[in-house]
């Protein structure tokens, strides 16, 4: 196997990351993005990351330069082949068990939209194999620390705790506390857990086995994906029944915001963007609005406030509120584009809206990574009406591409957005519009406020520019992860000059925007067959995938 190349730093810590998904191989949300981005970021701090993933078909197809590292004849009743290899620069261990993972589509849900009946065993095997690697099952490599993600990897720390061998410490990342991995108590034997793990409270959660509960109870450090979310989940309102244990472990709980990969999210080089433009180039961005409107049959009106929503269409994301509110929006000169998949009833509501208001509403009821990028390059504002939001990446994508976020004041959204109240607008520091509580009426008021600001072109342009200036990268967040992991293992963090200095004020990207080297535009095809798109053809409606 070839070695990972890390810029300008020697490896000082070997890290095993464990997750149920990883972009760009398999992704259902922000979890996959974070798991896919962190290895390269941590490499800049002297941390070599190898990631354990389930052997989904998409992961096995992506794996190159692979070898069969080891076979386990019996892991919780399953024969396991552990494959090691590379996939798009990421060093992977893949748990190959066809009976558990060789299934198409969503990794967690059956075709009927319900969780796979054997999800407990599927992710217990993943955790067990990861723990065996952590305890030294491989002859040539053993991690110094483990980073486990969400409930799918929640049993790793518990398996390590009950092993008769020296084991590495575990930091567990809470991406979304609402998904906990709960299974019947009588699965203890099938999961290979000793009775002591239940009787001591390590895995017991209201009479069931809780994967997330186990991680919160046993892991050495806990990380939530934003500082505000770390506070929210310690309350009865947002703690999902786990607030007590989180309060008791507050001394090991840290909130670290997510970041995004600026190479993936660069409107100048993004193949999904029709008219590529430099970050902060607002004039060049307007052409994308016109061509987006044409592509989806909306009036090409520059004065119409074009709203976009790219999201899982669920109640958590507030999609039901937007569907109910939309007819009131269309009384004014407002257009709405929705991309995503989720609850059938919510999807049906948007499809009906499109039928009733074809000049105001367009929907693509399927997941599309490409259209998710393109939408942010075209819409004036991006809607994020989440009832709760651990961190959120949509606001980062929107700001990076010049769309103003209109978001609920929850979790990571409140950590990253400066509301356009009168003081912030006067000082020129606003980069979004926040509202609370998350209701139809408060969202309507926020959109009305956005419409008023949109008419004030200079104010709106300043808000767009502020979003482009906002640091949405992994730079500072990666340093926080690295420091936590180094401290957890008793190591000294790799010193970086910038961390000990006063943060510089970022320059305005317009001052150096490479306008003369903009790539050629990619023209779309209209509804009557004229040229619109050489990338992908998107129907105006979709079906539940």
Protein backbone atom coordinates (compact mmCIF):
# COMPACT_ATOMS: atom_id res chain seq x y z
CA UNK A 1 0.00 0.00 0.00
CA UNK A 2 1.30 3.47 -0.80
CA UNK A 3 1.71 5.94 2.01
CA UNK A 4 -0.40 9.02 2.65
CA UNK A 5 1.38 12.22 1.70
CA UNK A 6 0.86 15.03 4.20
CA UNK A 7 2.17 18.51 3.45
CA UNK A 8 5.02 19.86 5.57
CA UNK A 9 4.25 17.78 8.65
CA UNK A 10 5.42 14.51 10.12
CA UNK A 11 2.76 12.07 11.28
CA UNK A 12 2.41 12.28 15.04
CA UNK A 13 -0.93 10.50 15.55
CA UNK A 14 -2.60 7.54 13.84
CA UNK A 15 -6.40 7.91 13.81
CA UNK A 16 -9.12 5.39 13.02
CA UNK A 17 -12.35 7.06 11.87
CA UNK A 18 -15.56 4.97 11.90
CA UNK A 19 -18.75 5.99 10.10
CA UNK A 20 -21.81 4.74 8.25
CA UNK A 21 -21.21 6.96 5.20
CA UNK A 22 -18.55 9.04 3.48
CA UNK A 23 -18.73 11.48 0.58
CA UNK A 24 -18.14 11.06 -2.34
CA UNK A 25 -18.89 7.32 -2.16
CA UNK A 26 -22.13 7.23 -0.18
CA UNK A 27 -23.98 10.16 1.37
CA UNK A 28 -27.38 10.94 2.85
CA UNK A 29 -26.51 14.28 4.48
CA UNK A 30 -23.88 16.39 6.20
CA UNK A 31 -22.45 13.39 8.06
CA UNK A 32 -21.05 12.03 4.81
CA UNK A 33 -19.55 15.40 3.87
CA UNK A 34 -17.77 15.77 7.21
CA UNK A 35 -16.41 12.22 7.26
CA UNK A 36 -15.13 12.73 3.71
CA UNK A 37 -13.50 16.10 4.40
CA UNK A 38 -11.79 15.56 7.75
CA UNK A 39 -8.93 13.19 6.75
CA UNK A 40 -7.23 15.74 4.48
CA UNK A 41 -7.74 18.51 7.03
CA UNK A 42 -6.30 16.50 9.91
CA UNK A 43 -3.37 15.49 7.73
CA UNK A 44 -2.24 19.12 7.80
CA UNK A 45 -1.90 18.76 11.58
CA UNK A 46 0.17 15.59 11.56
CA UNK A 47 -2.75 13.16 11.91
CA UNK A 48 -2.96 10.16 9.59
CA UNK A 49 -6.63 9.10 9.25
CA UNK A 50 -7.85 5.72 8.06
CA UNK A 51 -11.62 5.30 7.79
CA UNK A 52 -13.65 2.14 8.41
CA UNK A 53 -16.80 1.92 6.26
CA UNK A 54 -19.43 -0.73 5.62
CA UNK A 55 -18.97 -2.64 2.36
CA UNK A 56 -21.75 -0.95 0.44
CA UNK A 57 -21.58 -1.60 -3.34
CA UNK A 58 -20.68 2.04 -4.05
CA UNK A 59 -17.76 1.91 -1.60
CA UNK A 60 -16.39 -1.36 -2.98
CA UNK A 61 -16.63 0.00 -6.54
CA UNK A 62 -14.66 3.09 -5.57
CA UNK A 63 -11.89 1.15 -3.81
CA UNK A 64 -8.66 0.95 -5.82
CA UNK A 65 -5.18 -0.44 -5.11
CA UNK A 66 -6.95 -2.74 -2.67
CA UNK A 67 -5.91 -5.85 -0.84
CA UNK A 68 -7.56 -8.32 1.48
CA UNK A 69 -6.06 -7.36 4.81
CA UNK A 70 -7.58 -9.98 7.08
CA UNK A 71 -10.49 -12.40 7.36
CA UNK A 72 -12.57 -12.86 10.46
CA UNK A 73 -14.44 -16.16 10.44
CA UNK A 74 -17.02 -15.13 13.02
CA UNK A 75 -17.92 -11.56 13.89
CA UNK A 76 -21.29 -11.71 15.60
CA UNK A 77 -22.14 -14.73 13.47
CA UNK A 78 -20.86 -13.29 10.17
CA UNK A 79 -17.77 -14.04 8.10
CA UNK A 80 -15.99 -10.74 7.41
CA UNK A 81 -13.41 -9.86 4.80
CA UNK A 82 -11.60 -6.64 5.68
CA UNK A 83 -10.39 -4.88 2.54
CA UNK A 84 -7.85 -2.07 2.60
CA UNK A 85 -7.38 0.37 -0.22
CA UNK A 86 -7.60 3.89 -1.56
CA UNK A 87 -10.53 5.81 -2.97
CA UNK A 88 -10.06 9.35 -4.26
CA UNK A 89 -7.15 10.01 -1.91
CA UNK A 90 -8.78 8.49 1.17
CA UNK A 91 -7.29 5.51 2.99
CA UNK A 92 -10.09 3.04 3.73
CA UNK A 93 -10.79 -0.20 5.53
CA UNK A 94 -13.99 -1.71 4.13
CA UNK A 95 -15.99 -4.29 6.09
CA UNK A 96 -17.11 -6.63 3.32
CA UNK A 97 -20.12 -8.70 4.38
CA UNK A 98 -22.46 -9.05 1.37
CA UNK A 99 -25.38 -10.35 3.45
CA UNK A 100 -25.36 -7.11 5.46
CA UNK A 101 -24.28 -4.39 3.05
CA UNK A 102 -24.78 -5.48 -0.58
CA UNK A 103 -28.00 -3.50 -0.97
CA UNK A 104 -28.72 -0.71 -3.46
CA UNK A 105 -30.04 2.74 -2.68
CA UNK A 106 -30.19 4.42 0.72
CA UNK A 107 -27.77 2.71 3.14
CA UNK A 108 -30.19 2.80 6.06
CA UNK A 109 -33.65 2.44 4.49
CA UNK A 110 -35.38 -0.35 2.60
CA UNK A 111 -37.26 0.45 -0.65
CA UNK A 112 -40.45 0.99 1.37
CA UNK A 113 -38.78 3.88 3.20
CA UNK A 114 -38.52 2.00 6.50
CA UNK A 115 -35.22 1.15 8.24
CA UNK A 116 -33.73 -2.20 7.32
CA UNK A 117 -34.92 -4.72 9.91
CA UNK A 118 -31.34 -5.85 10.62
CA UNK A 119 -29.79 -2.38 10.98
CA UNK A 120 -28.75 -3.20 14.53
CA UNK A 121 -26.64 -6.13 13.38
CA UNK A 122 -25.34 -4.28 10.32
CA UNK A 123 -23.79 -1.52 12.41
CA UNK A 124 -22.88 -3.69 15.39
CA UNK A 125 -20.63 -5.68 13.02
CA UNK A 126 -19.12 -2.42 11.74
CA UNK A 127 -18.42 -1.31 15.33
CA UNK A 128 -17.06 -4.70 16.37
CA UNK A 129 -14.60 -4.86 13.47
CA UNK A 130 -13.50 -1.27 14.12
CA UNK A 131 -12.91 -2.12 17.80
CA UNK A 132 -10.86 -5.16 16.80
CA UNK A 133 -8.69 -2.94 14.60
CA UNK A 134 -8.38 -0.51 17.49
CA UNK A 135 -7.25 -3.31 19.81
CA UNK A 136 -4.48 -4.40 17.44
CA UNK A 137 -6.01 -7.01 15.09
CA UNK A 138 -3.84 -5.79 12.20
CA UNK A 139 -0.22 -6.86 12.19
CA UNK A 140 1.20 -3.65 10.69
CA UNK A 141 -0.96 -0.85 12.04
CA UNK A 142 -2.72 0.16 15.25
CA UNK A 143 -4.42 3.52 15.85
CA UNK A 144 -3.53 5.89 18.65
CA UNK A 145 -7.12 7.14 18.82
CA UNK A 146 -10.57 6.46 17.41
CA UNK A 147 -13.04 9.01 16.06
CA UNK A 148 -16.57 7.54 15.87
CA UNK A 149 -19.48 9.26 14.12
CA UNK A 150 -23.17 9.20 15.09
CA UNK A 151 -25.17 6.17 16.18
CA UNK A 152 -23.87 3.85 13.45
CA UNK A 153 -20.47 3.84 15.18
CA UNK A 154 -21.88 4.21 18.68
CA UNK A 155 -20.81 0.81 20.05
CA UNK A 156 -17.12 1.16 19.19
CA UNK A 157 -16.18 2.64 22.57
CA UNK A 158 -18.22 -0.01 24.42
CA UNK A 159 -16.59 -2.91 22.59
CA UNK A 160 -13.17 -1.43 23.33
CA UNK A 161 -14.01 -0.94 27.00
CA UNK A 162 -14.79 -4.62 27.51
CA UNK A 163 -11.77 -5.99 25.65
CA UNK A 164 -8.90 -7.63 27.54
CA UNK A 165 -6.24 -5.60 25.76
CA UNK A 166 -4.75 -2.10 25.75
CA UNK A 167 -7.10 0.03 23.66
CA UNK A 168 -7.01 3.57 22.28
CA UNK A 169 -9.25 6.39 23.56
CA UNK A 170 -12.40 7.30 21.62
CA UNK A 171 -13.84 10.68 20.68
CA UNK A 172 -17.44 10.46 19.52
CA UNK A 173 -18.97 13.04 17.15
CA UNK A 174 -22.67 13.84 17.59
CA UNK A 175 -23.97 14.86 14.18
CA UNK A 176 -27.68 14.49 14.98
CA UNK A 177 -28.96 13.34 18.37
CA UNK A 178 -32.40 12.61 16.95
CA UNK A 179 -31.10 9.39 15.37
CA UNK A 180 -30.07 7.12 18.22
CA UNK A 181 -29.97 3.50 17.05
CA UNK A 182 -32.39 1.84 19.50
CA UNK A 183 -32.80 -1.94 19.55
CA UNK A 184 -34.44 -4.55 21.84
CA UNK A 185 -32.68 -5.65 25.01
CA UNK A 186 -32.77 -9.27 23.88
CA UNK A 187 -30.20 -8.37 21.18
CA UNK A 188 -27.44 -8.12 23.82
CA UNK A 189 -26.22 -11.65 23.06
CA UNK A 190 -26.46 -11.19 19.31
CA UNK A 191 -24.42 -7.98 19.60
CA UNK A 192 -21.79 -9.80 21.68
CA UNK A 193 -22.22 -7.44 24.62
CA UNK A 194 -21.74 -8.66 28.21
CA UNK A 195 -24.63 -8.32 30.65
CA UNK A 196 -22.46 -5.92 32.63
CA UNK A 197 -22.65 -3.40 29.78
CA UNK A 198 -26.43 -3.27 30.22
CA UNK A 199 -26.60 -3.55 34.00
CA UNK A 200 -24.04 -0.76 34.48
CA UNK A 201 -26.02 1.59 32.25
CA UNK A 202 -23.36 1.73 29.54
CA UNK A 203 -25.79 0.74 26.77
CA UNK A 204 -29.20 0.67 28.52
CA UNK A 205 -31.63 3.36 27.42
CA UNK A 206 -35.18 3.12 28.80
CA UNK A 207 -35.21 -0.67 28.55
CA UNK A 208 -33.53 -0.82 25.15
CA UNK A 209 -30.01 -0.94 23.77
CA UNK A 210 -28.99 2.55 22.66
CA UNK A 211 -26.04 2.88 20.31
CA UNK A 212 -25.87 6.66 20.72
CA UNK A 213 -26.41 6.39 24.48
CA UNK A 214 -23.48 3.95 24.66
CA UNK A 215 -21.20 6.38 22.85
CA UNK A 216 -22.18 9.26 25.13
CA UNK A 217 -21.65 7.15 28.25
CA UNK A 218 -18.37 5.44 27.40
CA UNK A 219 -16.39 7.64 24.98
CA UNK A 220 -13.49 9.62 26.40
CA UNK A 221 -14.45 12.84 24.60
CA UNK A 222 -17.68 14.04 23.00
CA UNK A 223 -17.90 16.48 20.09
CA UNK A 224 -21.05 18.16 18.83
CA UNK A 225 -21.00 19.83 15.44
CA UNK A 226 -21.57 23.37 16.73
CA UNK A 227 -21.14 25.21 20.05
CA UNK A 228 -24.82 26.17 20.27
CA UNK A 229 -25.93 22.59 19.58
CA UNK A 230 -23.65 21.45 22.43
CA UNK A 231 -25.67 23.70 24.73
CA UNK A 232 -29.07 22.84 23.26
CA UNK A 233 -28.69 19.07 23.67
CA UNK A 234 -28.11 19.52 27.40
CA UNK A 235 -31.70 20.78 27.75
CA UNK A 236 -34.86 18.65 28.08
CA UNK A 237 -36.31 20.37 25.01
CA UNK A 238 -33.50 19.37 22.63
CA UNK A 239 -31.75 16.53 24.47
CA UNK A 240 -33.92 13.75 23.03
CA UNK A 241 -33.97 12.00 26.42
CA UNK A 242 -30.17 12.14 26.67
CA UNK A 243 -29.84 15.60 28.20
CA UNK A 244 -29.13 14.21 31.67
CA UNK A 245 -26.11 12.19 30.61
CA UNK A 246 -24.87 15.08 28.48
CA UNK A 247 -25.09 17.47 31.42
CA UNK A 248 -23.22 14.97 33.59
CA UNK A 249 -20.47 14.78 30.95
CA UNK A 250 -20.39 18.46 30.05
CA UNK A 251 -16.71 18.62 31.03
CA UNK A 252 -15.80 16.35 28.08
CA UNK A 253 -18.30 17.82 25.58
CA UNK A 254 -16.97 20.28 23.00
CA UNK A 255 -18.81 22.04 20.18
CA UNK A 256 -16.82 22.39 16.94
CA UNK A 257 -18.44 23.79 13.81
CA UNK A 258 -18.23 21.89 10.55
CA UNK A 259 -16.54 23.29 7.48
CA UNK A 260 -16.78 22.60 3.76
CA UNK A 261 -14.25 21.62 1.12
CA UNK A 262 -13.52 24.83 -0.80
CA UNK A 263 -12.35 22.80 -3.79
CA UNK A 264 -15.73 21.10 -4.04
CA UNK A 265 -17.56 24.37 -3.45
CA UNK A 266 -15.93 26.88 -5.79
CA UNK A 267 -18.28 28.63 -8.25
CA UNK A 268 -15.35 29.44 -10.54
CA UNK A 269 -14.52 25.78 -11.19
CA UNK A 270 -17.77 24.00 -10.29
CA UNK A 271 -18.98 22.00 -13.35
CA UNK A 272 -22.58 22.36 -12.15
CA UNK A 273 -22.50 26.16 -12.58
CA UNK A 274 -23.60 27.39 -16.01
CA UNK A 275 -21.75 30.71 -15.84
CA UNK A 276 -18.69 30.19 -13.59
CA UNK A 277 -17.76 33.17 -11.46
CA UNK A 278 -15.28 34.07 -8.76
CA UNK A 279 -16.42 33.97 -5.14
CA UNK A 280 -17.98 37.37 -4.46
CA UNK A 281 -18.45 38.30 -8.14
CA UNK A 282 -22.07 39.41 -7.93
CA UNK A 283 -22.43 40.82 -11.42
CA UNK A 284 -21.36 37.59 -13.10
CA UNK A 285 -23.70 35.65 -10.82
CA UNK A 286 -26.86 37.29 -12.21
CA UNK A 287 -26.63 35.37 -15.47
CA UNK A 288 -27.07 32.13 -13.53
CA UNK A 289 -30.38 33.35 -12.14
CA UNK A 290 -31.68 34.09 -15.63
CA UNK A 291 -30.65 30.75 -17.07
CA UNK A 292 -31.98 28.85 -14.03
CA UNK A 293 -35.35 30.56 -14.43
CA UNK A 294 -35.38 29.66 -18.12
CA UNK A 295 -34.41 26.05 -17.49
CA UNK A 296 -37.34 25.49 -15.15
CA UNK A 297 -39.95 27.58 -16.93
CA UNK A 298 -40.05 30.48 -14.48
CA UNK A 299 -40.47 34.05 -15.76
CA UNK A 300 -37.02 35.59 -16.31
CA UNK A 301 -37.73 38.50 -14.02
CA UNK A 302 -34.63 39.93 -12.32
CA UNK A 303 -36.83 41.71 -9.79
CA UNK A 304 -38.53 38.52 -8.62
CA UNK A 305 -37.09 37.27 -5.34
CA UNK A 306 -35.96 33.74 -6.23
CA UNK A 307 -35.90 31.49 -3.14
CA UNK A 308 -34.31 28.06 -3.05
CA UNK A 309 -34.38 25.11 -0.68
CA UNK A 310 -31.98 22.14 -0.95
CA UNK A 311 -32.77 19.73 1.85
CA UNK A 312 -34.15 16.50 3.12
CA UNK A 313 -37.86 17.20 3.00
CA UNK A 314 -38.71 16.36 6.59
CA UNK A 315 -40.34 18.02 9.57
CA UNK A 316 -36.92 18.48 11.22
CA UNK A 317 -35.91 20.63 8.25
CA UNK A 318 -39.17 22.60 8.41
CA UNK A 319 -40.14 21.57 4.89
CA UNK A 320 -43.76 21.08 5.96
CA UNK A 321 -43.88 24.70 7.15
CA UNK A 322 -42.61 25.98 3.82
CA UNK A 323 -45.15 23.90 1.90
CA UNK A 324 -47.95 25.35 4.02
CA UNK A 325 -46.66 28.90 3.74
CA UNK A 326 -45.92 28.97 0.02
CA UNK A 327 -49.34 30.17 -1.28
CA UNK A 328 -49.00 33.32 0.80
CA UNK A 329 -45.56 33.94 -0.69
CA UNK A 330 -46.83 33.70 -4.23
CA UNK A 331 -49.18 36.63 -3.67
CA UNK A 332 -46.07 38.77 -4.22
CA UNK A 333 -43.34 38.63 -6.83
CA UNK A 334 -41.63 35.60 -5.28
CA UNK A 335 -40.41 32.41 -6.96
CA UNK A 336 -39.48 29.15 -5.21
CA UNK A 337 -37.26 26.23 -6.28
CA UNK A 338 -37.14 23.10 -4.10
CA UNK A 339 -34.65 20.22 -4.46
CA UNK A 340 -34.70 17.15 -2.27
CA UNK A 341 -36.43 14.00 -1.19
CA UNK A 342 -37.98 12.90 2.06
CA UNK A 343 -41.42 12.40 3.59
CA UNK A 344 -43.99 11.36 0.98
CA UNK A 345 -46.69 13.71 2.25
CA UNK A 346 -44.37 16.72 2.15
CA UNK A 347 -43.15 15.82 -1.33
CA UNK A 348 -46.75 15.52 -2.49
CA UNK A 349 -47.52 18.96 -1.05
CA UNK A 350 -44.72 20.53 -3.11
CA UNK A 351 -45.78 18.67 -6.24
CA UNK A 352 -49.31 20.02 -5.81
CA UNK A 353 -47.96 23.54 -5.29
CA UNK A 354 -46.06 23.29 -8.53
CA UNK A 355 -49.23 22.28 -10.34
CA UNK A 356 -51.18 25.20 -8.87
CA UNK A 357 -48.46 27.82 -9.27
CA UNK A 358 -46.34 26.83 -12.31
CA UNK A 359 -44.98 30.38 -12.72
CA UNK A 360 -43.88 30.59 -9.10
CA UNK A 361 -42.84 27.10 -7.97
CA UNK A 362 -40.57 24.40 -9.39
CA UNK A 363 -39.64 21.15 -7.67
CA UNK A 364 -37.11 18.39 -8.20
CA UNK A 365 -38.21 15.64 -5.83
CA UNK A 366 -35.04 13.60 -6.03
CA UNK A 367 -31.57 13.90 -4.54
CA UNK A 368 -29.18 15.66 -6.91
CA UNK A 369 -25.70 16.73 -5.87
CA UNK A 370 -25.26 18.64 -9.13
CA UNK A 371 -28.52 20.56 -8.89
CA UNK A 372 -27.78 21.25 -5.22
CA UNK A 373 -24.68 23.15 -6.36
CA UNK A 374 -26.36 24.86 -9.29
CA UNK A 375 -29.29 26.14 -7.26
CA UNK A 376 -27.06 28.08 -4.85
CA UNK A 377 -25.35 29.77 -7.81
CA UNK A 378 -28.70 31.08 -9.05
CA UNK A 379 -31.15 31.82 -6.23
CA UNK A 380 -31.22 35.11 -4.36
CA UNK A 381 -31.82 33.50 -0.97
CA UNK A 382 -31.66 29.98 0.48
CA UNK A 383 -34.31 28.82 2.95
CA UNK A 384 -33.24 26.79 6.01
CA UNK A 385 -36.31 26.68 8.30
CA UNK A 386 -35.06 23.85 10.53
CA UNK A 387 -36.81 23.09 13.80
CA UNK A 388 -33.37 22.04 15.05
CA UNK A 389 -30.05 22.03 13.21
CA UNK A 390 -26.90 20.56 14.80
CA UNK A 391 -24.66 22.52 12.44
CA UNK A 392 -25.97 22.74 8.92
CA UNK A 393 -23.85 22.95 5.78
CA UNK A 394 -26.45 24.55 3.53
CA UNK A 395 -25.78 28.02 4.91
CA UNK A 396 -22.06 27.58 4.10
CA UNK A 397 -22.85 26.49 0.54
CA UNK A 398 -25.25 29.40 0.09
CA UNK A 399 -22.88 32.07 1.41
CA UNK A 400 -19.97 30.71 -0.61
CA UNK A 401 -22.07 30.98 -3.79
CA UNK A 402 -23.63 34.39 -3.03
CA UNK A 403 -27.09 33.32 -1.86
CA UNK A 404 -28.34 34.95 1.35
CA UNK A 405 -29.50 32.38 3.96
CA UNK A 406 -32.93 32.83 5.56
CA UNK A 407 -32.70 30.49 8.52
CA UNK A 408 -34.18 29.50 11.85
CA UNK A 409 -32.20 30.71 14.86
CA UNK A 410 -31.15 27.25 16.06
CA UNK A 411 -27.93 25.25 16.50
CA UNK A 412 -25.12 25.93 14.08
CA UNK A 413 -27.25 28.35 12.08
CA UNK A 414 -27.13 30.85 14.94
CA UNK A 415 -23.37 30.26 15.27
CA UNK A 416 -22.64 31.14 11.65
CA UNK A 417 -25.14 33.80 10.59
CA UNK A 418 -25.34 37.48 11.54
CA UNK A 419 -28.98 38.55 11.35
CA UNK A 420 -29.84 41.56 9.21
CA UNK A 421 -31.35 43.59 12.04
CA UNK A 422 -31.16 47.35 11.73
CA UNK A 423 -27.89 47.63 13.68
CA UNK A 424 -26.15 44.90 11.66
CA UNK A 425 -27.36 46.40 8.38
CA UNK A 426 -26.19 49.87 9.43
CA UNK A 427 -22.77 48.50 10.41
CA UNK A 428 -22.59 46.49 7.20
CA UNK A 429 -21.95 43.15 8.93
CA UNK A 430 -25.17 41.17 8.24
CA UNK A 431 -24.83 38.02 6.17
CA UNK A 432 -28.23 36.36 6.64
CA UNK A 433 -31.73 36.60 8.08
CA UNK A 434 -32.62 34.67 11.24
CA UNK A 435 -36.03 34.00 12.74
CA UNK A 436 -37.47 32.26 15.79
CA UNK A 437 -39.45 30.36 16.82
CA UNK A 438 -39.71 28.10 13.77
CA UNK A 439 -43.29 28.71 12.63
CA UNK A 440 -45.02 29.64 9.39
CA UNK A 441 -45.73 33.16 10.64
CA UNK A 442 -42.16 33.92 11.74
CA UNK A 443 -40.79 32.49 8.51
CA UNK A 444 -43.19 34.64 6.52
CA UNK A 445 -42.02 37.74 8.38
CA UNK A 446 -38.39 36.79 7.69
CA UNK A 447 -39.08 36.37 3.97
CA UNK A 448 -40.92 39.68 3.87
CA UNK A 449 -37.92 41.27 5.55
CA UNK A 450 -35.68 39.63 2.95
CA UNK A 451 -37.86 40.96 0.14
CA UNK A 452 -37.57 44.49 1.50
CA UNK A 453 -33.78 44.19 1.77
CA UNK A 454 -33.59 42.63 -1.71
CA UNK A 455 -35.14 45.78 -3.14
CA UNK A 456 -32.32 47.78 -1.53
CA UNK A 457 -29.70 46.61 -4.01
CA UNK A 458 -26.66 48.02 -2.23
CA UNK A 459 -27.70 46.52 1.11
CA UNK A 460 -28.40 43.13 -0.46
CA UNK A 461 -25.10 43.16 -2.32
CA UNK A 462 -23.29 43.91 0.95
CA UNK A 463 -24.99 40.93 2.59
CA UNK A 464 -23.98 38.69 -0.31
CA UNK A 465 -20.41 39.98 -0.08
CA UNK A 466 -20.32 39.39 3.66
CA UNK A 467 -21.38 35.80 3.08
CA UNK A 468 -18.60 35.32 0.56
CA UNK A 469 -16.10 36.76 3.07
CA UNK A 470 -17.22 34.41 5.85
CA UNK A 471 -14.71 31.66 6.58
CA UNK A 472 -16.61 28.47 5.74
CA UNK A 473 -13.44 26.37 5.37
CA UNK A 474 -12.11 23.65 7.65
CA UNK A 475 -8.98 25.63 8.56
CA UNK A 476 -9.79 26.71 12.10
CA UNK A 477 -12.18 23.83 12.79
CA UNK A 478 -9.60 21.24 11.74
CA UNK A 479 -7.14 22.79 14.17
CA UNK A 480 -9.71 22.38 16.98
CA UNK A 481 -10.24 18.71 16.11
CA UNK A 482 -6.50 18.13 15.99
CA UNK A 483 -5.93 19.83 19.34
CA UNK A 484 -8.65 17.76 21.00
CA UNK A 485 -7.31 14.48 19.60
CA UNK A 486 -3.74 15.31 20.55
CA UNK A 487 -4.75 16.25 24.09
CA UNK A 488 -6.90 13.11 24.42
CA UNK A 489 -3.88 10.95 23.61
CA UNK A 490 -1.43 12.94 25.74
CA UNK A 491 0.36 14.42 22.75
CA UNK A 492 1.37 17.98 22.11
CA UNK A 493 -0.59 19.62 19.26
CA UNK A 494 1.40 20.50 16.17
CA UNK A 495 2.09 24.24 16.50
CA UNK A 496 0.87 26.44 13.69
CA UNK A 497 1.97 30.05 13.54
CA UNK A 498 -1.48 31.35 12.65
CA UNK A 499 -3.06 29.87 15.77
CA UNK A 500 -0.98 32.12 18.03
CA UNK A 501 -1.61 35.30 16.08
CA UNK A 502 -4.52 37.70 15.86
CA UNK A 503 -6.73 36.57 13.00
CA UNK A 504 -6.26 38.87 10.01
CA UNK A 505 -9.18 40.60 8.38
CA UNK A 506 -9.98 38.77 5.21
CA UNK A 507 -9.63 40.75 2.01
CA UNK A 508 -12.61 41.46 -0.20
CA UNK A 509 -12.63 38.73 -2.86
CA UNK A 510 -13.70 41.26 -5.48
CA UNK A 511 -10.32 42.96 -5.21
CA UNK A 512 -8.61 39.96 -6.76
CA UNK A 513 -11.43 38.18 -8.57
CA UNK A 514 -9.93 36.56 -11.69
CA UNK A 515 -12.71 37.79 -13.98
CA UNK A 516 -10.65 37.42 -17.14
CA UNK A 517 -10.05 33.69 -16.70
CA UNK A 518 -13.66 32.67 -16.15
CA UNK A 519 -14.37 29.29 -17.78
CA UNK A 520 -16.87 29.15 -20.60
CA UNK A 521 -20.54 29.13 -19.71
CA UNK A 522 -22.52 25.92 -20.10
CA UNK A 523 -25.79 26.76 -21.79
CA UNK A 524 -28.99 24.95 -20.78
CA UNK A 525 -31.91 23.67 -22.81
CA UNK A 526 -35.31 25.25 -22.43
CA UNK A 527 -38.65 23.53 -22.17
CA UNK A 528 -39.26 23.85 -25.94
CA UNK A 529 -36.06 22.02 -26.84
CA UNK A 530 -33.73 24.96 -27.37
CA UNK A 531 -30.24 24.60 -25.97
CA UNK A 532 -30.22 24.55 -22.16
CA UNK A 533 -27.91 22.04 -20.56
CA UNK A 534 -24.98 19.87 -21.55
CA UNK A 535 -24.58 18.59 -18.00
CA UNK A 536 -27.80 16.96 -16.94
CA UNK A 537 -31.47 17.15 -17.75
CA UNK A 538 -33.67 17.77 -14.75
CA UNK A 539 -37.42 17.18 -14.95
CA UNK A 540 -39.68 19.75 -13.36
CA UNK A 541 -41.16 17.03 -11.20
CA UNK A 542 -39.80 13.86 -9.74
CA UNK A 543 -40.87 10.80 -7.88
CA UNK A 544 -39.81 9.46 -4.54
CA UNK A 545 -36.52 7.63 -5.11
